[in-house]
Amino acid sequence: MTDEVPDSLREMPPSSKLVYKVLEHDGPLTQRQLADHSLLPTRTVRYALDRLRDEDIVQERLYIQDARKRLYHLTADERVPDIDPVPASN
């Protein structure tokens, strides 16, 4: 993980910055896990995630353990490997 902070993050509200730092340190996490780690209300976490996604700082993926949930991670997070499509058989 790079220590470089996106410029667009500097203009965001404190809740978005906190969610970013939690994901940087503990991510990837679900929305509920983010709320638990940050001690923010889930509504505030949802708003922060929306702002971070709008700036392409955070991405979401399907949470394998519970398909109703999403797993959030930083866009530049090397700990989350890209999921490549399965190559076609010849």
PDB file of N, CA and C in Angstrom:
ATOM      1  N   MET A   1       0.855  -1.173   0.000  1.00  0.00           N
ATOM      2  CA  MET A   1       0.000   0.000   0.000  1.00  0.00           C
ATOM      3  C   MET A   1       0.890   1.221   0.000  1.00  0.00           C
ATOM      4  N   THR A   2       0.563   2.144  -0.842  1.00  0.00           N
ATOM      5  CA  THR A   2       1.315   3.376  -0.914  1.00  0.00           C
ATOM      6  C   THR A   2       0.866   4.343   0.169  1.00  0.00           C
ATOM      7  N   ASP A   3       1.783   5.173   0.650  1.00  0.00           N
ATOM      8  CA  ASP A   3       1.451   6.149   1.682  1.00  0.00           C
ATOM      9  C   ASP A   3       0.891   7.426   1.083  1.00  0.00           C
ATOM     10  N   GLU A   4       0.724   7.469  -0.213  1.00  0.00           N
ATOM     11  CA  GLU A   4       0.225   8.644  -0.892  1.00  0.00           C
ATOM     12  C   GLU A   4      -1.292   8.745  -0.732  1.00  0.00           C
ATOM     13  N   VAL A   5      -1.760   9.910  -0.267  1.00  0.00           N
ATOM     14  CA  VAL A   5      -3.187  10.146  -0.059  1.00  0.00           C
ATOM     15  C   VAL A   5      -3.727  10.873  -1.291  1.00  0.00           C
ATOM     16  N   PRO A   6      -4.861  10.404  -1.845  1.00  0.00           N
ATOM     17  CA  PRO A   6      -5.436  11.095  -3.008  1.00  0.00           C
ATOM     18  C   PRO A   6      -5.782  12.553  -2.684  1.00  0.00           C
ATOM     19  N   ASP A   7      -5.509  13.461  -3.615  1.00  0.00           N
ATOM     20  CA  ASP A   7      -5.790  14.880  -3.410  1.00  0.00           C
ATOM     21  C   ASP A   7      -7.259  15.132  -3.117  1.00  0.00           C
ATOM     22  N   SER A   8      -8.152  14.397  -3.780  1.00  0.00           N
ATOM     23  CA  SER A   8      -9.584  14.610  -3.590  1.00  0.00           C
ATOM     24  C   SER A   8     -10.022  14.274  -2.164  1.00  0.00           C
ATOM     25  N   LEU A   9      -9.272  13.434  -1.471  1.00  0.00           N
ATOM     26  CA  LEU A   9      -9.617  13.071  -0.101  1.00  0.00           C
ATOM     27  C   LEU A   9      -9.446  14.253   0.846  1.00  0.00           C
ATOM     28  N   ARG A  10      -8.524  15.121   0.550  1.00  0.00           N
ATOM     29  CA  ARG A  10      -8.249  16.271   1.415  1.00  0.00           C
ATOM     30  C   ARG A  10      -9.459  17.198   1.553  1.00  0.00           C
ATOM     31  N   GLU A  11     -10.323  17.222   0.558  1.00  0.00           N
ATOM     32  CA  GLU A  11     -11.492  18.109   0.563  1.00  0.00           C
ATOM     33  C   GLU A  11     -12.749  17.433   1.116  1.00  0.00           C
ATOM     34  N   MET A  12     -12.644  16.193   1.506  1.00  0.00           N
ATOM     35  CA  MET A  12     -13.814  15.438   1.969  1.00  0.00           C
ATOM     36  C   MET A  12     -14.069  15.664   3.450  1.00  0.00           C
ATOM     37  N   PRO A  13     -15.285  15.311   3.891  1.00  0.00           N
ATOM     38  CA  PRO A  13     -15.602  15.457   5.315  1.00  0.00           C
ATOM     39  C   PRO A  13     -14.790  14.493   6.177  1.00  0.00           C
ATOM     40  N   PRO A  14     -14.691  14.790   7.474  1.00  0.00           N
ATOM     41  CA  PRO A  14     -13.906  13.940   8.371  1.00  0.00           C
ATOM     42  C   PRO A  14     -14.343  12.471   8.369  1.00  0.00           C
ATOM     43  N   SER A  15     -15.630  12.210   8.216  1.00  0.00           N
ATOM     44  CA  SER A  15     -16.090  10.812   8.215  1.00  0.00           C
ATOM     45  C   SER A  15     -15.501  10.042   7.038  1.00  0.00           C
ATOM     46  N   SER A  16     -15.405  10.665   5.887  1.00  0.00           N
ATOM     47  CA  SER A  16     -14.815  10.002   4.720  1.00  0.00           C
ATOM     48  C   SER A  16     -13.331   9.735   4.941  1.00  0.00           C
ATOM     49  N   LYS A  17     -12.654  10.677   5.566  1.00  0.00           N
ATOM     50  CA  LYS A  17     -11.235  10.501   5.861  1.00  0.00           C
ATOM     51  C   LYS A  17     -11.023   9.370   6.852  1.00  0.00           C
ATOM     52  N   LEU A  18     -11.903   9.282   7.851  1.00  0.00           N
ATOM     53  CA  LEU A  18     -11.790   8.212   8.832  1.00  0.00           C
ATOM     54  C   LEU A  18     -12.042   6.847   8.194  1.00  0.00           C
ATOM     55  N   VAL A  19     -13.071   6.754   7.363  1.00  0.00           N
ATOM     56  CA  VAL A  19     -13.367   5.492   6.680  1.00  0.00           C
ATOM     57  C   VAL A  19     -12.180   5.106   5.792  1.00  0.00           C
ATOM     58  N   TYR A  20     -11.594   6.061   5.114  1.00  0.00           N
ATOM     59  CA  TYR A  20     -10.410   5.808   4.288  1.00  0.00           C
ATOM     60  C   TYR A  20      -9.280   5.216   5.143  1.00  0.00           C
ATOM     61  N   LYS A  21      -8.992   5.841   6.290  1.00  0.00           N
ATOM     62  CA  LYS A  21      -7.902   5.369   7.143  1.00  0.00           C
ATOM     63  C   LYS A  21      -8.195   3.982   7.714  1.00  0.00           C
ATOM     64  N   VAL A  22      -9.447   3.706   8.067  1.00  0.00           N
ATOM     65  CA  VAL A  22      -9.807   2.379   8.572  1.00  0.00           C
ATOM     66  C   VAL A  22      -9.588   1.339   7.476  1.00  0.00           C
ATOM     67  N   LEU A  23     -10.017   1.654   6.254  1.00  0.00           N
ATOM     68  CA  LEU A  23      -9.800   0.721   5.142  1.00  0.00           C
ATOM     69  C   LEU A  23      -8.318   0.550   4.842  1.00  0.00           C
ATOM     70  N   GLU A  24      -7.572   1.622   4.957  1.00  0.00           N
ATOM     71  CA  GLU A  24      -6.134   1.552   4.717  1.00  0.00           C
ATOM     72  C   GLU A  24      -5.465   0.629   5.739  1.00  0.00           C
ATOM     73  N   HIS A  25      -5.921   0.692   6.962  1.00  0.00           N
ATOM     74  CA  HIS A  25      -5.300  -0.089   8.031  1.00  0.00           C
ATOM     75  C   HIS A  25      -5.874  -1.498   8.156  1.00  0.00           C
ATOM     76  N   ASP A  26      -7.208  -1.636   8.071  1.00  0.00           N
ATOM     77  CA  ASP A  26      -7.860  -2.910   8.371  1.00  0.00           C
ATOM     78  C   ASP A  26      -8.596  -3.541   7.195  1.00  0.00           C
ATOM     79  N   GLY A  27      -8.702  -2.853   6.068  1.00  0.00           N
ATOM     80  CA  GLY A  27      -9.534  -3.309   4.962  1.00  0.00           C
ATOM     81  C   GLY A  27      -9.036  -4.570   4.309  1.00  0.00           C
ATOM     82  N   PRO A  28      -9.815  -5.165   3.477  1.00  0.00           N
ATOM     83  CA  PRO A  28     -11.186  -4.832   3.087  1.00  0.00           C
ATOM     84  C   PRO A  28     -12.205  -5.216   4.175  1.00  0.00           C
ATOM     85  N   LEU A  29     -13.302  -4.437   4.257  1.00  0.00           N
ATOM     86  CA  LEU A  29     -14.317  -4.625   5.280  1.00  0.00           C
ATOM     87  C   LEU A  29     -15.711  -4.408   4.711  1.00  0.00           C
ATOM     88  N   THR A  30     -16.719  -4.975   5.391  1.00  0.00           N
ATOM     89  CA  THR A  30     -18.114  -4.704   5.044  1.00  0.00           C
ATOM     90  C   THR A  30     -18.518  -3.367   5.674  1.00  0.00           C
ATOM     91  N   GLN A  31     -19.687  -2.891   5.304  1.00  0.00           N
ATOM     92  CA  GLN A  31     -20.178  -1.639   5.865  1.00  0.00           C
ATOM     93  C   GLN A  31     -20.334  -1.748   7.387  1.00  0.00           C
ATOM     94  N   ARG A  32     -20.864  -2.853   7.860  1.00  0.00           N
ATOM     95  CA  ARG A  32     -21.049  -3.062   9.308  1.00  0.00           C
ATOM     96  C   ARG A  32     -19.696  -3.103  10.007  1.00  0.00           C
ATOM     97  N   GLN A  33     -18.732  -3.788   9.421  1.00  0.00           N
ATOM     98  CA  GLN A  33     -17.397  -3.849  10.014  1.00  0.00           C
ATOM     99  C   GLN A  33     -16.750  -2.470  10.051  1.00  0.00           C
ATOM    100  N   LEU A  34     -16.964  -1.682   8.996  1.00  0.00           N
ATOM    101  CA  LEU A  34     -16.446  -0.317   8.981  1.00  0.00           C
ATOM    102  C   LEU A  34     -17.059   0.512  10.105  1.00  0.00           C
ATOM    103  N   ALA A  35     -18.359   0.362  10.310  1.00  0.00           N
ATOM    104  CA  ALA A  35     -19.036   1.088  11.386  1.00  0.00           C
ATOM    105  C   ALA A  35     -18.474   0.669  12.742  1.00  0.00           C
ATOM    106  N   ASP A  36     -18.252  -0.617  12.927  1.00  0.00           N
ATOM    107  CA  ASP A  36     -17.704  -1.117  14.187  1.00  0.00           C
ATOM    108  C   ASP A  36     -16.276  -0.611  14.428  1.00  0.00           C
ATOM    109  N   HIS A  37     -15.445  -0.641  13.404  1.00  0.00           N
ATOM    110  CA  HIS A  37     -14.046  -0.209  13.547  1.00  0.00           C
ATOM    111  C   HIS A  37     -13.923   1.296  13.746  1.00  0.00           C
ATOM    112  N   SER A  38     -14.766   2.058  13.055  1.00  0.00           N
ATOM    113  CA  SER A  38     -14.661   3.516  13.098  1.00  0.00           C
ATOM    114  C   SER A  38     -15.491   4.150  14.209  1.00  0.00           C
ATOM    115  N   LEU A  39     -16.423   3.379  14.783  1.00  0.00           N
ATOM    116  CA  LEU A  39     -17.367   3.878  15.786  1.00  0.00           C
ATOM    117  C   LEU A  39     -18.312   4.936  15.222  1.00  0.00           C
ATOM    118  N   LEU A  40     -18.500   4.933  13.910  1.00  0.00           N
ATOM    119  CA  LEU A  40     -19.438   5.840  13.253  1.00  0.00           C
ATOM    120  C   LEU A  40     -20.773   5.132  13.051  1.00  0.00           C
ATOM    121  N   PRO A  41     -21.874   5.885  13.014  1.00  0.00           N
ATOM    122  CA  PRO A  41     -23.167   5.271  12.680  1.00  0.00           C
ATOM    123  C   PRO A  41     -23.141   4.713  11.255  1.00  0.00           C
ATOM    124  N   THR A  42     -23.916   3.664  11.001  1.00  0.00           N
ATOM    125  CA  THR A  42     -23.916   3.042   9.672  1.00  0.00           C
ATOM    126  C   THR A  42     -24.343   4.035   8.589  1.00  0.00           C
ATOM    127  N   ARG A  43     -25.261   4.927   8.903  1.00  0.00           N
ATOM    128  CA  ARG A  43     -25.686   5.927   7.923  1.00  0.00           C
ATOM    129  C   ARG A  43     -24.519   6.836   7.523  1.00  0.00           C
ATOM    130  N   THR A  44     -23.710   7.217   8.486  1.00  0.00           N
ATOM    131  CA  THR A  44     -22.539   8.057   8.210  1.00  0.00           C
ATOM    132  C   THR A  44     -21.514   7.291   7.386  1.00  0.00           C
ATOM    133  N   VAL A  45     -21.324   6.019   7.695  1.00  0.00           N
ATOM    134  CA  VAL A  45     -20.404   5.183   6.927  1.00  0.00           C
ATOM    135  C   VAL A  45     -20.895   5.050   5.494  1.00  0.00           C
ATOM    136  N   ARG A  46     -22.183   4.856   5.317  1.00  0.00           N
ATOM    137  CA  ARG A  46     -22.761   4.743   3.969  1.00  0.00           C
ATOM    138  C   ARG A  46     -22.518   6.029   3.173  1.00  0.00           C
ATOM    139  N   TYR A  47     -22.724   7.182   3.803  1.00  0.00           N
ATOM    140  CA  TYR A  47     -22.474   8.466   3.144  1.00  0.00           C
ATOM    141  C   TYR A  47     -20.994   8.608   2.781  1.00  0.00           C
ATOM    142  N   ALA A  48     -20.117   8.248   3.706  1.00  0.00           N
ATOM    143  CA  ALA A  48     -18.673   8.336   3.450  1.00  0.00           C
ATOM    144  C   ALA A  48     -18.269   7.421   2.302  1.00  0.00           C
ATOM    145  N   LEU A  49     -18.808   6.211   2.282  1.00  0.00           N
ATOM    146  CA  LEU A  49     -18.498   5.278   1.191  1.00  0.00           C
ATOM    147  C   LEU A  49     -18.983   5.809  -0.153  1.00  0.00           C
ATOM    148  N   ASP A  50     -20.167   6.425  -0.168  1.00  0.00           N
ATOM    149  CA  ASP A  50     -20.677   7.020  -1.410  1.00  0.00           C
ATOM    150  C   ASP A  50     -19.725   8.091  -1.919  1.00  0.00           C
ATOM    151  N   ARG A  51     -19.263   8.948  -1.036  1.00  0.00           N
ATOM    152  CA  ARG A  51     -18.323  10.006  -1.435  1.00  0.00           C
ATOM    153  C   ARG A  51     -17.012   9.415  -1.950  1.00  0.00           C
ATOM    154  N   LEU A  52     -16.493   8.417  -1.251  1.00  0.00           N
ATOM    155  CA  LEU A  52     -15.235   7.789  -1.651  1.00  0.00           C
ATOM    156  C   LEU A  52     -15.372   7.039  -2.975  1.00  0.00           C
ATOM    157  N   ARG A  53     -16.508   6.400  -3.206  1.00  0.00           N
ATOM    158  CA  ARG A  53     -16.747   5.704  -4.487  1.00  0.00           C
ATOM    159  C   ARG A  53     -16.879   6.707  -5.628  1.00  0.00           C
ATOM    160  N   ASP A  54     -17.546   7.837  -5.365  1.00  0.00           N
ATOM    161  CA  ASP A  54     -17.698   8.867  -6.395  1.00  0.00           C
ATOM    162  C   ASP A  54     -16.345   9.371  -6.889  1.00  0.00           C
ATOM    163  N   GLU A  55     -15.366   9.392  -6.009  1.00  0.00           N
ATOM    164  CA  GLU A  55     -14.011   9.848  -6.364  1.00  0.00           C
ATOM    165  C   GLU A  55     -13.103   8.695  -6.778  1.00  0.00           C
ATOM    166  N   ASP A  56     -13.663   7.485  -6.890  1.00  0.00           N
ATOM    167  CA  ASP A  56     -12.916   6.286  -7.286  1.00  0.00           C
ATOM    168  C   ASP A  56     -11.746   5.989  -6.340  1.00  0.00           C
ATOM    169  N   ILE A  57     -11.972   6.261  -5.052  1.00  0.00           N
ATOM    170  CA  ILE A  57     -10.975   5.966  -4.033  1.00  0.00           C
ATOM    171  C   ILE A  57     -11.254   4.597  -3.424  1.00  0.00           C
ATOM    172  N   VAL A  58     -12.528   4.218  -3.400  1.00  0.00           N
ATOM    173  CA  VAL A  58     -12.976   2.955  -2.816  1.00  0.00           C
ATOM    174  C   VAL A  58     -13.748   2.173  -3.864  1.00  0.00           C
ATOM    175  N   GLN A  59     -13.581   0.860  -3.837  1.00  0.00           N
ATOM    176  CA  GLN A  59     -14.358  -0.031  -4.696  1.00  0.00           C
ATOM    177  C   GLN A  59     -15.085  -1.029  -3.824  1.00  0.00           C
ATOM    178  N   GLU A  60     -16.153  -1.593  -4.374  1.00  0.00           N
ATOM    179  CA  GLU A  60     -16.886  -2.618  -3.639  1.00  0.00           C
ATOM    180  C   GLU A  60     -16.937  -3.893  -4.453  1.00  0.00           C
ATOM    181  N   ARG A  61     -17.004  -4.981  -3.731  1.00  0.00           N
ATOM    182  CA  ARG A  61     -17.112  -6.317  -4.334  1.00  0.00           C
ATOM    183  C   ARG A  61     -18.139  -7.111  -3.555  1.00  0.00           C
ATOM    184  N   LEU A  62     -18.558  -8.190  -4.155  1.00  0.00           N
ATOM    185  CA  LEU A  62     -19.462  -9.109  -3.481  1.00  0.00           C
ATOM    186  C   LEU A  62     -18.748  -9.741  -2.298  1.00  0.00           C
ATOM    187  N   TYR A  63     -19.434  -9.823  -1.171  1.00  0.00           N
ATOM    188  CA  TYR A  63     -18.883 -10.454   0.032  1.00  0.00           C
ATOM    189  C   TYR A  63     -19.253 -11.930  -0.034  1.00  0.00           C
ATOM    190  N   ILE A  64     -18.278 -12.782  -0.252  1.00  0.00           N
ATOM    191  CA  ILE A  64     -18.517 -14.199  -0.506  1.00  0.00           C
ATOM    192  C   ILE A  64     -19.273 -14.876   0.633  1.00  0.00           C
ATOM    193  N   GLN A  65     -18.983 -14.527   1.879  1.00  0.00           N
ATOM    194  CA  GLN A  65     -19.634 -15.174   3.019  1.00  0.00           C
ATOM    195  C   GLN A  65     -21.126 -14.845   3.115  1.00  0.00           C
ATOM    196  N   ASP A  66     -21.551 -13.697   2.578  1.00  0.00           N
ATOM    197  CA  ASP A  66     -22.953 -13.286   2.615  1.00  0.00           C
ATOM    198  C   ASP A  66     -23.218 -12.419   1.392  1.00  0.00           C
ATOM    199  N   ALA A  67     -23.858 -12.982   0.390  1.00  0.00           N
ATOM    200  CA  ALA A  67     -24.053 -12.297  -0.892  1.00  0.00           C
ATOM    201  C   ALA A  67     -24.926 -11.054  -0.775  1.00  0.00           C
ATOM    202  N   ARG A  68     -25.610 -10.863   0.355  1.00  0.00           N
ATOM    203  CA  ARG A  68     -26.412  -9.649   0.551  1.00  0.00           C
ATOM    204  C   ARG A  68     -25.535  -8.455   0.895  1.00  0.00           C
ATOM    205  N   LYS A  69     -24.291  -8.709   1.268  1.00  0.00           N
ATOM    206  CA  LYS A  69     -23.385  -7.645   1.704  1.00  0.00           C
ATOM    207  C   LYS A  69     -22.325  -7.375   0.651  1.00  0.00           C
ATOM    208  N   ARG A  70     -21.662  -6.250   0.795  1.00  0.00           N
ATOM    209  CA  ARG A  70     -20.565  -5.866  -0.084  1.00  0.00           C
ATOM    210  C   ARG A  70     -19.304  -5.692   0.751  1.00  0.00           C
ATOM    211  N   LEU A  71     -18.185  -5.951   0.130  1.00  0.00           N
ATOM    212  CA  LEU A  71     -16.882  -5.791   0.758  1.00  0.00           C
ATOM    213  C   LEU A  71     -16.222  -4.565   0.135  1.00  0.00           C
ATOM    214  N   TYR A  72     -15.759  -3.640   0.955  1.00  0.00           N
ATOM    215  CA  TYR A  72     -15.180  -2.385   0.472  1.00  0.00           C
ATOM    216  C   TYR A  72     -13.671  -2.404   0.682  1.00  0.00           C
ATOM    217  N   HIS A  73     -12.965  -1.873  -0.310  1.00  0.00           N
ATOM    218  CA  HIS A  73     -11.505  -1.790  -0.239  1.00  0.00           C
ATOM    219  C   HIS A  73     -11.045  -0.564  -1.004  1.00  0.00           C
ATOM    220  N   LEU A  74      -9.838  -0.117  -0.694  1.00  0.00           N
ATOM    221  CA  LEU A  74      -9.262   1.015  -1.409  1.00  0.00           C
ATOM    222  C   LEU A  74      -8.932   0.591  -2.830  1.00  0.00           C
ATOM    223  N   THR A  75      -9.125   1.479  -3.764  1.00  0.00           N
ATOM    224  CA  THR A  75      -8.874   1.179  -5.168  1.00  0.00           C
ATOM    225  C   THR A  75      -7.429   0.741  -5.390  1.00  0.00           C
ATOM    226  N   ALA A  76      -6.492   1.357  -4.696  1.00  0.00           N
ATOM    227  CA  ALA A  76      -5.068   1.056  -4.898  1.00  0.00           C
ATOM    228  C   ALA A  76      -4.548   0.000  -3.931  1.00  0.00           C
ATOM    229  N   ASP A  77      -5.440  -0.742  -3.277  1.00  0.00           N
ATOM    230  CA  ASP A  77      -5.025  -1.722  -2.273  1.00  0.00           C
ATOM    231  C   ASP A  77      -4.477  -2.974  -2.944  1.00  0.00           C
ATOM    232  N   GLU A  78      -3.177  -3.237  -2.753  1.00  0.00           N
ATOM    233  CA  GLU A  78      -2.545  -4.416  -3.356  1.00  0.00           C
ATOM    234  C   GLU A  78      -2.970  -5.705  -2.656  1.00  0.00           C
ATOM    235  N   ARG A  79      -3.553  -5.618  -1.467  1.00  0.00           N
ATOM    236  CA  ARG A  79      -3.949  -6.819  -0.737  1.00  0.00           C
ATOM    237  C   ARG A  79      -5.183  -7.473  -1.354  1.00  0.00           C
ATOM    238  N   VAL A  80      -5.895  -6.766  -2.226  1.00  0.00           N
ATOM    239  CA  VAL A  80      -7.100  -7.306  -2.848  1.00  0.00           C
ATOM    240  C   VAL A  80      -6.762  -7.626  -4.297  1.00  0.00           C
ATOM    241  N   PRO A  81      -6.518  -8.894  -4.616  1.00  0.00           N
ATOM    242  CA  PRO A  81      -6.144  -9.239  -5.991  1.00  0.00           C
ATOM    243  C   PRO A  81      -7.306  -9.021  -6.947  1.00  0.00           C
ATOM    244  N   ASP A  82      -6.983  -8.641  -8.173  1.00  0.00           N
ATOM    245  CA  ASP A  82      -8.008  -8.517  -9.201  1.00  0.00           C
ATOM    246  C   ASP A  82      -8.552  -9.903  -9.516  1.00  0.00           C
ATOM    247  N   ILE A  83      -9.834  -9.971  -9.727  1.00  0.00           N
ATOM    248  CA  ILE A  83     -10.453 -11.239 -10.076  1.00  0.00           C
ATOM    249  C   ILE A  83     -10.553 -11.285 -11.593  1.00  0.00           C
ATOM    250  N   ASP A  84      -9.751 -12.143 -12.188  1.00  0.00           N
ATOM    251  CA  ASP A  84      -9.744 -12.280 -13.638  1.00  0.00           C
ATOM    252  C   ASP A  84     -10.795 -13.294 -14.045  1.00  0.00           C
ATOM    253  N   PRO A  85     -11.423 -13.092 -15.200  1.00  0.00           N
ATOM    254  CA  PRO A  85     -12.354 -14.092 -15.672  1.00  0.00           C
ATOM    255  C   PRO A  85     -11.643 -15.417 -15.937  1.00  0.00           C
ATOM    256  N   VAL A  86     -12.370 -16.494 -15.790  1.00  0.00           N
ATOM    257  CA  VAL A  86     -11.806 -17.812 -16.052  1.00  0.00           C
ATOM    258  C   VAL A  86     -11.508 -17.948 -17.527  1.00  0.00           C
ATOM    259  N   PRO A  87     -10.287 -18.323 -17.880  1.00  0.00           N
ATOM    260  CA  PRO A  87      -9.951 -18.446 -19.308  1.00  0.00           C
ATOM    261  C   PRO A  87     -10.776 -19.544 -19.973  1.00  0.00           C
ATOM    262  N   ALA A  88     -11.123 -19.284 -21.219  1.00  0.00           N
ATOM    263  CA  ALA A  88     -11.911 -20.253 -21.976  1.00  0.00           C
ATOM    264  C   ALA A  88     -11.065 -21.479 -22.309  1.00  0.00           C
ATOM    265  N   SER A  89     -11.683 -22.640 -22.303  1.00  0.00           N
ATOM    266  CA  SER A  89     -10.994 -23.882 -22.675  1.00  0.00           C
ATOM    267  C   SER A  89     -10.840 -23.953 -24.180  1.00  0.00           C
ATOM    268  N   ASN A  90      -9.730 -24.501 -24.627  1.00  0.00           N
ATOM    269  CA  ASN A  90      -9.518 -24.637 -26.069  1.00  0.00           C
ATOM    270  C   ASN A  90      -9.977 -25.979 -26.554  1.00  0.00           C
TER     271      ASN A  90
END
